[in-house]
Amino acid sequence: MGNLDIYLQPTKFFDFNKKFVRDKAFEITEGLETEKEKAIALFYWVRDEIKYNMHTYIPSIKANFKASVTLRRKNGFCVSKSVLLSSFARAIGIPASIHLVDLINHKISQKIIDFMGTNVMHYHGYSELYLNNKWVKLTPSFDPKTALKGGFIPMVEFDGENDAVFAVYDNEGKLFGEYVMDRGIHADLPLEEIERVFEEKYPIFSDYKKGLPILPAKDKTLAYK
């Protein structure tokens, strides 16, 4: 990643060229002097103020992936929250990207595994920010309420210098986050690529695209919102 210019530009999904996105980034970092301080402030704002909602991760609905939409809705999933964080960073002049991987979260419930048809979360995403001459990985996925409810402990914390991603083991020494495939670092989101893999790996997604009901009407816990 020698040329940093492409990691500073607005794009279709990193749409900080929209005034209210750019203004929010400057509001969050107001009064802070260093990039380290600003990155910490942006990370915790996205982690804590944007509620985690995995059920909006529908690649065929492109708006769900835009930073502006996530900010307006105040909820999102791993990729959309990371796109928002990276968009905020770009808005204040910090180069930022989206890093995509396949992840097994060993803490998710059997209900979610049954719903997805697999325990692999294809195309999990996290931000990478260029700070102090190096790229730093940041996962702002789980807000505190979601983390506590799901038992996703330890929570991801960021000191402004070191990677902040899911721990391999939880506080009890049990497996937590396992990264099983690297899908690359991107200046903008490769949504068509994500959609192809979802169609292949998640039967429930194919049903959704066909317009078929994917959940019993009474089951509101997994409903797309």
C-alpha atoms as a PDB file:
ATOM      1  CA  MET A   1       0.000   0.000   0.000  1.00  0.00           C
ATOM      2  CA  GLY A   2       2.621   2.497  -1.149  1.00  0.00           C
ATOM      3  CA  ASN A   3       0.259   5.167  -2.528  1.00  0.00           C
ATOM      4  CA  LEU A   4      -1.839   6.480   0.340  1.00  0.00           C
ATOM      5  CA  ASP A   5      -3.913   8.882  -1.788  1.00  0.00           C
ATOM      6  CA  ILE A   6      -6.516   6.249  -2.665  1.00  0.00           C
ATOM      7  CA  TYR A   7      -7.113   5.705   1.055  1.00  0.00           C
ATOM      8  CA  LEU A   8      -8.061   9.347   1.523  1.00  0.00           C
ATOM      9  CA  GLN A   9     -10.707   9.681  -1.203  1.00  0.00           C
ATOM     10  CA  PRO A  10     -14.504   9.579  -0.879  1.00  0.00           C
ATOM     11  CA  THR A  11     -16.134   6.673  -2.721  1.00  0.00           C
ATOM     12  CA  LYS A  12     -19.577   5.230  -3.281  1.00  0.00           C
ATOM     13  CA  PHE A  13     -19.512   3.585   0.150  1.00  0.00           C
ATOM     14  CA  PHE A  14     -16.950   5.760   1.972  1.00  0.00           C
ATOM     15  CA  ASP A  15     -19.173   8.740   1.268  1.00  0.00           C
ATOM     16  CA  PHE A  16     -17.758  11.300   3.668  1.00  0.00           C
ATOM     17  CA  ASN A  17     -18.191  13.838   0.870  1.00  0.00           C
ATOM     18  CA  LYS A  18     -21.713  14.105   2.309  1.00  0.00           C
ATOM     19  CA  LYS A  19     -21.616  17.088   4.639  1.00  0.00           C
ATOM     20  CA  PHE A  20     -23.279  15.497   7.659  1.00  0.00           C
ATOM     21  CA  VAL A  21     -20.787  12.590   7.631  1.00  0.00           C
ATOM     22  CA  ARG A  22     -17.806  14.919   7.400  1.00  0.00           C
ATOM     23  CA  ASP A  23     -19.256  17.252  10.028  1.00  0.00           C
ATOM     24  CA  LYS A  24     -19.772  14.361  12.469  1.00  0.00           C
ATOM     25  CA  ALA A  25     -16.136  13.280  12.085  1.00  0.00           C
ATOM     26  CA  PHE A  26     -14.963  16.792  12.944  1.00  0.00           C
ATOM     27  CA  GLU A  27     -17.456  17.052  15.803  1.00  0.00           C
ATOM     28  CA  ILE A  28     -16.180  13.815  17.382  1.00  0.00           C
ATOM     29  CA  THR A  29     -12.559  14.945  17.154  1.00  0.00           C
ATOM     30  CA  GLU A  30     -13.076  18.597  18.069  1.00  0.00           C
ATOM     31  CA  GLY A  31     -10.374  19.905  20.404  1.00  0.00           C
ATOM     32  CA  LEU A  32      -8.090  16.896  19.908  1.00  0.00           C
ATOM     33  CA  GLU A  33      -4.601  17.589  18.585  1.00  0.00           C
ATOM     34  CA  THR A  34      -2.908  14.340  17.581  1.00  0.00           C
ATOM     35  CA  GLU A  35      -3.960  11.687  15.073  1.00  0.00           C
ATOM     36  CA  LYS A  36      -3.694   9.130  17.865  1.00  0.00           C
ATOM     37  CA  GLU A  37      -6.231  10.991  20.000  1.00  0.00           C
ATOM     38  CA  LYS A  38      -8.537  11.494  17.054  1.00  0.00           C
ATOM     39  CA  ALA A  39      -8.374   7.827  16.012  1.00  0.00           C
ATOM     40  CA  ILE A  40      -9.217   6.700  19.546  1.00  0.00           C
ATOM     41  CA  ALA A  41     -12.188   9.073  19.695  1.00  0.00           C
ATOM     42  CA  LEU A  42     -13.518   7.922  16.316  1.00  0.00           C
ATOM     43  CA  PHE A  43     -13.110   4.241  17.192  1.00  0.00           C
ATOM     44  CA  TYR A  44     -15.030   4.463  20.459  1.00  0.00           C
ATOM     45  CA  TRP A  45     -17.770   6.614  18.968  1.00  0.00           C
ATOM     46  CA  VAL A  46     -18.468   4.090  16.192  1.00  0.00           C
ATOM     47  CA  ARG A  47     -18.095   1.098  18.505  1.00  0.00           C
ATOM     48  CA  ASP A  48     -20.392   2.473  21.189  1.00  0.00           C
ATOM     49  CA  GLU A  49     -22.860   4.776  19.423  1.00  0.00           C
ATOM     50  CA  ILE A  50     -23.685   2.603  16.406  1.00  0.00           C
ATOM     51  CA  LYS A  51     -25.650  -0.414  17.609  1.00  0.00           C
ATOM     52  CA  TYR A  52     -24.603  -3.785  16.194  1.00  0.00           C
ATOM     53  CA  ASN A  53     -27.220  -5.317  13.905  1.00  0.00           C
ATOM     54  CA  MET A  54     -26.013  -8.291  11.844  1.00  0.00           C
ATOM     55  CA  HIS A  55     -29.356  -8.666  10.101  1.00  0.00           C
ATOM     56  CA  THR A  56     -28.764  -5.679   7.824  1.00  0.00           C
ATOM     57  CA  TYR A  57     -25.804  -7.502   6.223  1.00  0.00           C
ATOM     58  CA  ILE A  58     -27.645  -8.051   2.920  1.00  0.00           C
ATOM     59  CA  PRO A  59     -25.301  -7.456  -0.046  1.00  0.00           C
ATOM     60  CA  SER A  60     -28.178  -6.980  -2.489  1.00  0.00           C
ATOM     61  CA  ILE A  61     -29.238  -3.861  -0.541  1.00  0.00           C
ATOM     62  CA  LYS A  62     -26.312  -1.618  -1.397  1.00  0.00           C
ATOM     63  CA  ALA A  63     -27.431   1.314   0.731  1.00  0.00           C
ATOM     64  CA  ASN A  64     -26.810  -0.729   3.882  1.00  0.00           C
ATOM     65  CA  PHE A  65     -23.069  -0.470   3.253  1.00  0.00           C
ATOM     66  CA  LYS A  66     -22.782   3.301   2.892  1.00  0.00           C
ATOM     67  CA  ALA A  67     -21.227   5.281   5.711  1.00  0.00           C
ATOM     68  CA  SER A  68     -23.946   7.920   5.431  1.00  0.00           C
ATOM     69  CA  VAL A  69     -26.743   5.356   5.828  1.00  0.00           C
ATOM     70  CA  THR A  70     -25.097   3.677   8.819  1.00  0.00           C
ATOM     71  CA  LEU A  71     -24.618   7.045  10.503  1.00  0.00           C
ATOM     72  CA  ARG A  72     -28.205   8.072   9.876  1.00  0.00           C
ATOM     73  CA  ARG A  73     -29.662   4.751  11.107  1.00  0.00           C
ATOM     74  CA  LYS A  74     -27.314   4.492  14.115  1.00  0.00           C
ATOM     75  CA  ASN A  75     -27.009   0.715  13.618  1.00  0.00           C
ATOM     76  CA  GLY A  76     -24.931  -1.553  11.437  1.00  0.00           C
ATOM     77  CA  PHE A  77     -22.874  -4.717  11.161  1.00  0.00           C
ATOM     78  CA  CYS A  78     -19.134  -5.386  11.127  1.00  0.00           C
ATOM     79  CA  VAL A  79     -18.543  -4.173   7.567  1.00  0.00           C
ATOM     80  CA  SER A  80     -20.837  -1.152   7.614  1.00  0.00           C
ATOM     81  CA  LYS A  81     -19.494   0.034  10.993  1.00  0.00           C
ATOM     82  CA  SER A  82     -15.932  -0.358   9.713  1.00  0.00           C
ATOM     83  CA  VAL A  83     -16.775   1.541   6.526  1.00  0.00           C
ATOM     84  CA  LEU A  84     -18.144   4.336   8.713  1.00  0.00           C
ATOM     85  CA  LEU A  85     -15.037   4.378  10.927  1.00  0.00           C
ATOM     86  CA  SER A  86     -12.723   4.448   7.921  1.00  0.00           C
ATOM     87  CA  SER A  87     -14.837   7.173   6.298  1.00  0.00           C
ATOM     88  CA  PHE A  88     -14.571   9.311   9.432  1.00  0.00           C
ATOM     89  CA  ALA A  89     -10.802   8.783   9.429  1.00  0.00           C
ATOM     90  CA  ARG A  90     -10.496   9.825   5.790  1.00  0.00           C
ATOM     91  CA  ALA A  91     -12.623  12.892   6.458  1.00  0.00           C
ATOM     92  CA  ILE A  92     -10.058  14.203   8.962  1.00  0.00           C
ATOM     93  CA  GLY A  93      -7.064  13.247   6.825  1.00  0.00           C
ATOM     94  CA  ILE A  94      -6.089   9.800   8.175  1.00  0.00           C
ATOM     95  CA  PRO A  95      -5.621   7.184   5.410  1.00  0.00           C
ATOM     96  CA  ALA A  96      -8.018   4.286   5.971  1.00  0.00           C
ATOM     97  CA  SER A  97      -9.196   1.089   4.295  1.00  0.00           C
ATOM     98  CA  ILE A  98     -11.467  -1.909   4.822  1.00  0.00           C
ATOM     99  CA  HIS A  99      -9.884  -5.311   5.468  1.00  0.00           C
ATOM    100  CA  LEU A 100     -12.101  -8.322   4.729  1.00  0.00           C
ATOM    101  CA  VAL A 101     -11.652 -11.794   6.199  1.00  0.00           C
ATOM    102  CA  ASP A 102     -13.592 -14.958   6.920  1.00  0.00           C
ATOM    103  CA  LEU A 103     -14.103 -15.371  10.637  1.00  0.00           C
ATOM    104  CA  ILE A 104     -15.398 -17.997  13.026  1.00  0.00           C
ATOM    105  CA  ASN A 105     -16.817 -16.385  16.144  1.00  0.00           C
ATOM    106  CA  HIS A 106     -16.879 -19.301  18.571  1.00  0.00           C
ATOM    107  CA  LYS A 107     -19.183 -17.349  20.881  1.00  0.00           C
ATOM    108  CA  ILE A 108     -22.195 -16.995  18.598  1.00  0.00           C
ATOM    109  CA  SER A 109     -25.306 -18.978  19.420  1.00  0.00           C
ATOM    110  CA  GLN A 110     -26.411 -22.202  17.755  1.00  0.00           C
ATOM    111  CA  LYS A 111     -29.506 -20.322  16.643  1.00  0.00           C
ATOM    112  CA  ILE A 112     -27.396 -18.001  14.510  1.00  0.00           C
ATOM    113  CA  ILE A 113     -25.361 -20.919  13.139  1.00  0.00           C
ATOM    114  CA  ASP A 114     -28.568 -22.713  12.152  1.00  0.00           C
ATOM    115  CA  PHE A 115     -29.850 -19.530  10.529  1.00  0.00           C
ATOM    116  CA  MET A 116     -26.690 -19.022   8.445  1.00  0.00           C
ATOM    117  CA  GLY A 117     -26.167 -22.705   7.709  1.00  0.00           C
ATOM    118  CA  THR A 118     -22.527 -22.465   8.810  1.00  0.00           C
ATOM    119  CA  ASN A 119     -20.395 -21.186  11.662  1.00  0.00           C
ATOM    120  CA  VAL A 120     -18.188 -19.197   9.268  1.00  0.00           C
ATOM    121  CA  MET A 121     -18.879 -15.494   8.918  1.00  0.00           C
ATOM    122  CA  HIS A 122     -17.750 -14.846   5.362  1.00  0.00           C
ATOM    123  CA  TYR A 123     -16.522 -11.333   4.660  1.00  0.00           C
ATOM    124  CA  HIS A 124     -16.220 -10.060   8.192  1.00  0.00           C
ATOM    125  CA  GLY A 125     -14.730  -6.599   7.953  1.00  0.00           C
ATOM    126  CA  TYR A 126     -12.576  -4.305  10.042  1.00  0.00           C
ATOM    127  CA  SER A 127     -10.926  -0.940   9.515  1.00  0.00           C
ATOM    128  CA  GLU A 128      -7.271  -0.268   8.951  1.00  0.00           C
ATOM    129  CA  LEU A 129      -5.974   3.221   9.755  1.00  0.00           C
ATOM    130  CA  TYR A 130      -2.528   4.523   8.872  1.00  0.00           C
ATOM    131  CA  LEU A 131      -1.139   5.887  12.125  1.00  0.00           C
ATOM    132  CA  ASN A 132       2.458   6.748  13.014  1.00  0.00           C
ATOM    133  CA  ASN A 133       3.761   5.254   9.757  1.00  0.00           C
ATOM    134  CA  LYS A 134       2.038   1.890  10.115  1.00  0.00           C
ATOM    135  CA  TRP A 135      -1.336   0.287   9.421  1.00  0.00           C
ATOM    136  CA  VAL A 136      -3.410  -0.488  12.518  1.00  0.00           C
ATOM    137  CA  LYS A 137      -6.366  -2.915  12.517  1.00  0.00           C
ATOM    138  CA  LEU A 138      -9.583  -1.840  14.275  1.00  0.00           C
ATOM    139  CA  THR A 139     -12.768  -3.846  14.866  1.00  0.00           C
ATOM    140  CA  PRO A 140     -15.586  -1.535  16.053  1.00  0.00           C
ATOM    141  CA  SER A 141     -18.289  -4.217  15.624  1.00  0.00           C
ATOM    142  CA  PHE A 142     -19.843  -4.824  19.039  1.00  0.00           C
ATOM    143  CA  ASP A 143     -21.278  -2.009  21.118  1.00  0.00           C
ATOM    144  CA  PRO A 144     -21.047  -2.633  24.893  1.00  0.00           C
ATOM    145  CA  LYS A 145     -24.650  -3.813  25.274  1.00  0.00           C
ATOM    146  CA  THR A 146     -24.309  -6.350  22.452  1.00  0.00           C
ATOM    147  CA  ALA A 147     -20.915  -7.531  23.722  1.00  0.00           C
ATOM    148  CA  LEU A 148     -22.202  -8.151  27.228  1.00  0.00           C
ATOM    149  CA  LYS A 149     -25.395  -9.831  26.034  1.00  0.00           C
ATOM    150  CA  GLY A 150     -23.504 -12.136  23.656  1.00  0.00           C
ATOM    151  CA  GLY A 151     -20.631 -12.855  26.021  1.00  0.00           C
ATOM    152  CA  PHE A 152     -18.181 -11.334  23.541  1.00  0.00           C
ATOM    153  CA  ILE A 153     -15.642 -10.606  26.266  1.00  0.00           C
ATOM    154  CA  PRO A 154     -13.007  -9.212  26.332  1.00  0.00           C
ATOM    155  CA  MET A 155     -14.386  -6.241  24.429  1.00  0.00           C
ATOM    156  CA  VAL A 156     -12.145  -4.759  21.781  1.00  0.00           C
ATOM    157  CA  GLU A 157     -10.235  -1.797  23.210  1.00  0.00           C
ATOM    158  CA  PHE A 158      -7.963   0.611  21.319  1.00  0.00           C
ATOM    159  CA  ASP A 159      -4.928   2.443  22.692  1.00  0.00           C
ATOM    160  CA  GLY A 160      -4.212   4.430  19.545  1.00  0.00           C
ATOM    161  CA  GLU A 161      -1.126   2.415  18.646  1.00  0.00           C
ATOM    162  CA  ASN A 162      -1.779  -1.330  18.518  1.00  0.00           C
ATOM    163  CA  ASP A 163      -4.203  -3.561  16.614  1.00  0.00           C
ATOM    164  CA  ALA A 164      -7.646  -3.826  18.195  1.00  0.00           C
ATOM    165  CA  VAL A 165      -9.370  -6.945  16.848  1.00  0.00           C
ATOM    166  CA  PHE A 166     -11.228  -9.893  18.346  1.00  0.00           C
ATOM    167  CA  ALA A 167      -9.173 -11.866  20.847  1.00  0.00           C
ATOM    168  CA  VAL A 168      -8.294 -15.469  20.020  1.00  0.00           C
ATOM    169  CA  TYR A 169      -9.490 -16.549  23.485  1.00  0.00           C
ATOM    170  CA  ASP A 170     -12.103 -15.131  25.831  1.00  0.00           C
ATOM    171  CA  ASN A 171     -11.629 -14.349  29.520  1.00  0.00           C
ATOM    172  CA  GLU A 172     -12.261 -17.999  30.407  1.00  0.00           C
ATOM    173  CA  GLY A 173      -9.606 -19.296  28.017  1.00  0.00           C
ATOM    174  CA  LYS A 174     -12.109 -20.567  25.462  1.00  0.00           C
ATOM    175  CA  LEU A 175     -11.770 -19.950  21.725  1.00  0.00           C
ATOM    176  CA  PHE A 176     -13.308 -16.655  20.663  1.00  0.00           C
ATOM    177  CA  GLY A 177     -12.232 -15.206  17.285  1.00  0.00           C
ATOM    178  CA  GLU A 178     -10.629 -17.410  14.631  1.00  0.00           C
ATOM    179  CA  TYR A 179      -9.606 -15.838  11.313  1.00  0.00           C
ATOM    180  CA  VAL A 180      -9.743 -18.540   8.644  1.00  0.00           C
ATOM    181  CA  MET A 181      -9.277 -16.684   5.317  1.00  0.00           C
ATOM    182  CA  ASP A 182      -7.920 -13.304   4.271  1.00  0.00           C
ATOM    183  CA  ARG A 183     -10.082 -11.586   1.641  1.00  0.00           C
ATOM    184  CA  GLY A 184      -7.779  -8.611   1.176  1.00  0.00           C
ATOM    185  CA  ILE A 185      -7.461  -4.916   1.908  1.00  0.00           C
ATOM    186  CA  HIS A 186      -9.619  -2.567  -0.145  1.00  0.00           C
ATOM    187  CA  ALA A 187      -9.838   1.157  -0.816  1.00  0.00           C
ATOM    188  CA  ASP A 188     -13.533   0.709  -1.547  1.00  0.00           C
ATOM    189  CA  LEU A 189     -15.926  -2.119  -0.793  1.00  0.00           C
ATOM    190  CA  PRO A 190     -15.985  -4.987  -3.365  1.00  0.00           C
ATOM    191  CA  LEU A 191     -19.710  -5.532  -2.904  1.00  0.00           C
ATOM    192  CA  GLU A 192     -20.288  -7.614  -6.044  1.00  0.00           C
ATOM    193  CA  GLU A 193     -17.601 -10.032  -4.861  1.00  0.00           C
ATOM    194  CA  ILE A 194     -19.247 -10.261  -1.434  1.00  0.00           C
ATOM    195  CA  GLU A 195     -22.637 -10.903  -2.993  1.00  0.00           C
ATOM    196  CA  ARG A 196     -21.280 -13.771  -5.116  1.00  0.00           C
ATOM    197  CA  VAL A 197     -19.793 -15.498  -2.086  1.00  0.00           C
ATOM    198  CA  PHE A 198     -22.970 -14.986  -0.038  1.00  0.00           C
ATOM    199  CA  GLU A 199     -25.022 -16.626  -2.783  1.00  0.00           C
ATOM    200  CA  GLU A 200     -22.638 -19.577  -2.761  1.00  0.00           C
ATOM    201  CA  LYS A 201     -22.161 -20.002   0.975  1.00  0.00           C
ATOM    202  CA  TYR A 202     -25.468 -18.924   2.544  1.00  0.00           C
ATOM    203  CA  PRO A 203     -28.605 -20.723   1.296  1.00  0.00           C
ATOM    204  CA  ILE A 204     -30.750 -18.317   3.300  1.00  0.00           C
ATOM    205  CA  PHE A 205     -29.415 -15.411   1.235  1.00  0.00           C
ATOM    206  CA  SER A 206     -30.408 -17.099  -2.024  1.00  0.00           C
ATOM    207  CA  ASP A 207     -33.926 -17.579  -0.634  1.00  0.00           C
ATOM    208  CA  TYR A 208     -34.065 -13.902   0.283  1.00  0.00           C
ATOM    209  CA  LYS A 209     -33.066 -12.842  -3.244  1.00  0.00           C
ATOM    210  CA  LYS A 210     -35.798 -15.067  -4.679  1.00  0.00           C
ATOM    211  CA  GLY A 211     -38.356 -13.280  -2.527  1.00  0.00           C
ATOM    212  CA  LEU A 212     -39.043 -16.340  -0.379  1.00  0.00           C
ATOM    213  CA  PRO A 213     -39.904 -15.979   3.315  1.00  0.00           C
ATOM    214  CA  ILE A 214     -36.766 -16.837   5.269  1.00  0.00           C
ATOM    215  CA  LEU A 215     -38.156 -16.807   8.806  1.00  0.00           C
ATOM    216  CA  PRO A 216     -41.390 -17.715  10.555  1.00  0.00           C
ATOM    217  CA  ALA A 217     -43.492 -14.600  11.004  1.00  0.00           C
ATOM    218  CA  LYS A 218     -43.451 -15.025  14.791  1.00  0.00           C
ATOM    219  CA  ASP A 219     -39.639 -15.037  14.963  1.00  0.00           C
ATOM    220  CA  LYS A 220     -38.682 -11.401  15.397  1.00  0.00           C
ATOM    221  CA  THR A 221     -35.231 -12.035  16.850  1.00  0.00           C
ATOM    222  CA  LEU A 222     -33.640 -12.684  13.455  1.00  0.00           C
ATOM    223  CA  ALA A 223     -35.778 -10.420  11.305  1.00  0.00           C
ATOM    224  CA  TYR A 224     -34.035  -8.148   8.815  1.00  0.00           C
ATOM    225  CA  LYS A 225     -34.465  -4.536   9.819  1.00  0.00           C
END
